[in-house]
Amino acid sequence: MPDRCVLDSSIIAAIFFQEKAYDKVVMAVQDRDLLTVDLALIEVANVAWKRVALFGEDEDLMEEALKKKH
């Protein structure tokens, strides 16, 4: 198995929002050096916006979580 994994925004969102694939994703990336692209934060923020606007999830919770990006 490779020591590094490049995460796209769909994988990050699956972890962040604990979607159905959460357990599989965590198992696949554990004990690896994780990398991503610069746009990942923007793309995950877009997913968060959709979850608030379309599915009524807690806007304040999403905002606070996204502020903790580092």
C-alpha atoms as a PDB file:
ATOM      1  CA  MET A   1       0.000   0.000   0.000  1.00  0.00           C
ATOM      2  CA  PRO A   2       1.255   3.513  -0.770  1.00  0.00           C
ATOM      3  CA  ASP A   3       2.297   5.758   2.097  1.00  0.00           C
ATOM      4  CA  ARG A   4       0.490   8.786   0.624  1.00  0.00           C
ATOM      5  CA  CYS A   5      -3.078   9.436  -0.464  1.00  0.00           C
ATOM      6  CA  VAL A   6      -4.438  12.390  -2.387  1.00  0.00           C
ATOM      7  CA  LEU A   7      -7.921  13.243  -1.168  1.00  0.00           C
ATOM      8  CA  ASP A   8     -10.443  14.863  -3.463  1.00  0.00           C
ATOM      9  CA  SER A   9     -13.292  16.944  -2.088  1.00  0.00           C
ATOM     10  CA  SER A  10     -15.809  14.079  -2.239  1.00  0.00           C
ATOM     11  CA  ILE A  11     -13.650  11.993   0.088  1.00  0.00           C
ATOM     12  CA  ILE A  12     -13.090  14.932   2.440  1.00  0.00           C
ATOM     13  CA  ALA A  13     -16.840  15.637   2.479  1.00  0.00           C
ATOM     14  CA  ALA A  14     -17.589  11.966   3.215  1.00  0.00           C
ATOM     15  CA  ILE A  15     -15.333  12.193   6.264  1.00  0.00           C
ATOM     16  CA  PHE A  16     -16.469  15.668   7.326  1.00  0.00           C
ATOM     17  CA  PHE A  17     -20.188  14.868   7.080  1.00  0.00           C
ATOM     18  CA  GLN A  18     -19.841  11.209   8.125  1.00  0.00           C
ATOM     19  CA  GLU A  19     -21.666   9.994   5.041  1.00  0.00           C
ATOM     20  CA  LYS A  20     -22.438   6.327   4.285  1.00  0.00           C
ATOM     21  CA  ALA A  21     -18.933   5.736   2.939  1.00  0.00           C
ATOM     22  CA  TYR A  22     -17.314   7.163   6.097  1.00  0.00           C
ATOM     23  CA  ASP A  23     -16.043   3.863   7.557  1.00  0.00           C
ATOM     24  CA  LYS A  24     -14.593   2.664   4.246  1.00  0.00           C
ATOM     25  CA  VAL A  25     -12.930   5.999   3.580  1.00  0.00           C
ATOM     26  CA  VAL A  26     -11.350   6.188   7.023  1.00  0.00           C
ATOM     27  CA  MET A  27     -10.022   2.643   6.690  1.00  0.00           C
ATOM     28  CA  ALA A  28      -8.559   3.448   3.264  1.00  0.00           C
ATOM     29  CA  VAL A  29      -6.681   6.551   4.411  1.00  0.00           C
ATOM     30  CA  GLN A  30      -5.611   5.681   7.929  1.00  0.00           C
ATOM     31  CA  ASP A  31      -1.871   5.584   8.579  1.00  0.00           C
ATOM     32  CA  ARG A  32      -1.141   7.500   5.376  1.00  0.00           C
ATOM     33  CA  ASP A  33       0.262  10.922   4.596  1.00  0.00           C
ATOM     34  CA  LEU A  34      -2.751  12.838   3.310  1.00  0.00           C
ATOM     35  CA  LEU A  35      -2.555  15.417   0.531  1.00  0.00           C
ATOM     36  CA  THR A  36      -5.178  17.447  -1.276  1.00  0.00           C
ATOM     37  CA  VAL A  37      -5.524  20.237  -3.808  1.00  0.00           C
ATOM     38  CA  ASP A  38      -5.811  23.949  -2.986  1.00  0.00           C
ATOM     39  CA  LEU A  39      -9.442  24.066  -4.104  1.00  0.00           C
ATOM     40  CA  ALA A  40     -10.580  21.336  -1.694  1.00  0.00           C
ATOM     41  CA  LEU A  41     -11.653  23.813   1.008  1.00  0.00           C
ATOM     42  CA  ILE A  42     -13.769  25.758  -1.477  1.00  0.00           C
ATOM     43  CA  GLU A  43     -15.322  22.578  -2.844  1.00  0.00           C
ATOM     44  CA  VAL A  44     -16.147  21.220   0.635  1.00  0.00           C
ATOM     45  CA  ALA A  45     -17.586  24.636   1.585  1.00  0.00           C
ATOM     46  CA  ASN A  46     -19.835  24.320  -1.472  1.00  0.00           C
ATOM     47  CA  VAL A  47     -21.021  20.921  -0.233  1.00  0.00           C
ATOM     48  CA  ALA A  48     -21.708  22.482   3.192  1.00  0.00           C
ATOM     49  CA  TRP A  49     -23.710  25.299   1.569  1.00  0.00           C
ATOM     50  CA  LYS A  50     -25.807  22.765  -0.353  1.00  0.00           C
ATOM     51  CA  ARG A  51     -26.455  20.762   2.810  1.00  0.00           C
ATOM     52  CA  VAL A  52     -27.724  23.929   4.534  1.00  0.00           C
ATOM     53  CA  ALA A  53     -29.656  25.381   1.587  1.00  0.00           C
ATOM     54  CA  LEU A  54     -31.151  22.184   0.216  1.00  0.00           C
ATOM     55  CA  PHE A  55     -31.354  19.844   3.194  1.00  0.00           C
ATOM     56  CA  GLY A  56     -31.857  22.246   6.112  1.00  0.00           C
ATOM     57  CA  GLU A  57     -28.750  21.326   8.063  1.00  0.00           C
ATOM     58  CA  ASP A  58     -27.539  23.664  10.818  1.00  0.00           C
ATOM     59  CA  GLU A  59     -25.904  26.724   9.211  1.00  0.00           C
ATOM     60  CA  ASP A  60     -24.056  27.793  12.375  1.00  0.00           C
ATOM     61  CA  LEU A  61     -22.608  24.309  12.832  1.00  0.00           C
ATOM     62  CA  MET A  62     -21.346  24.251   9.231  1.00  0.00           C
ATOM     63  CA  GLU A  63     -19.852  27.723   9.557  1.00  0.00           C
ATOM     64  CA  GLU A  64     -18.001  26.880  12.777  1.00  0.00           C
ATOM     65  CA  ALA A  65     -16.691  23.606  11.363  1.00  0.00           C
ATOM     66  CA  LEU A  66     -15.382  25.296   8.222  1.00  0.00           C
ATOM     67  CA  LYS A  67     -13.604  27.951  10.282  1.00  0.00           C
ATOM     68  CA  LYS A  68     -11.538  25.139  11.864  1.00  0.00           C
ATOM     69  CA  LYS A  69      -9.876  24.288   8.561  1.00  0.00           C
ATOM     70  CA  HIS A  70      -6.338  24.297   9.994  1.00  0.00           C
END
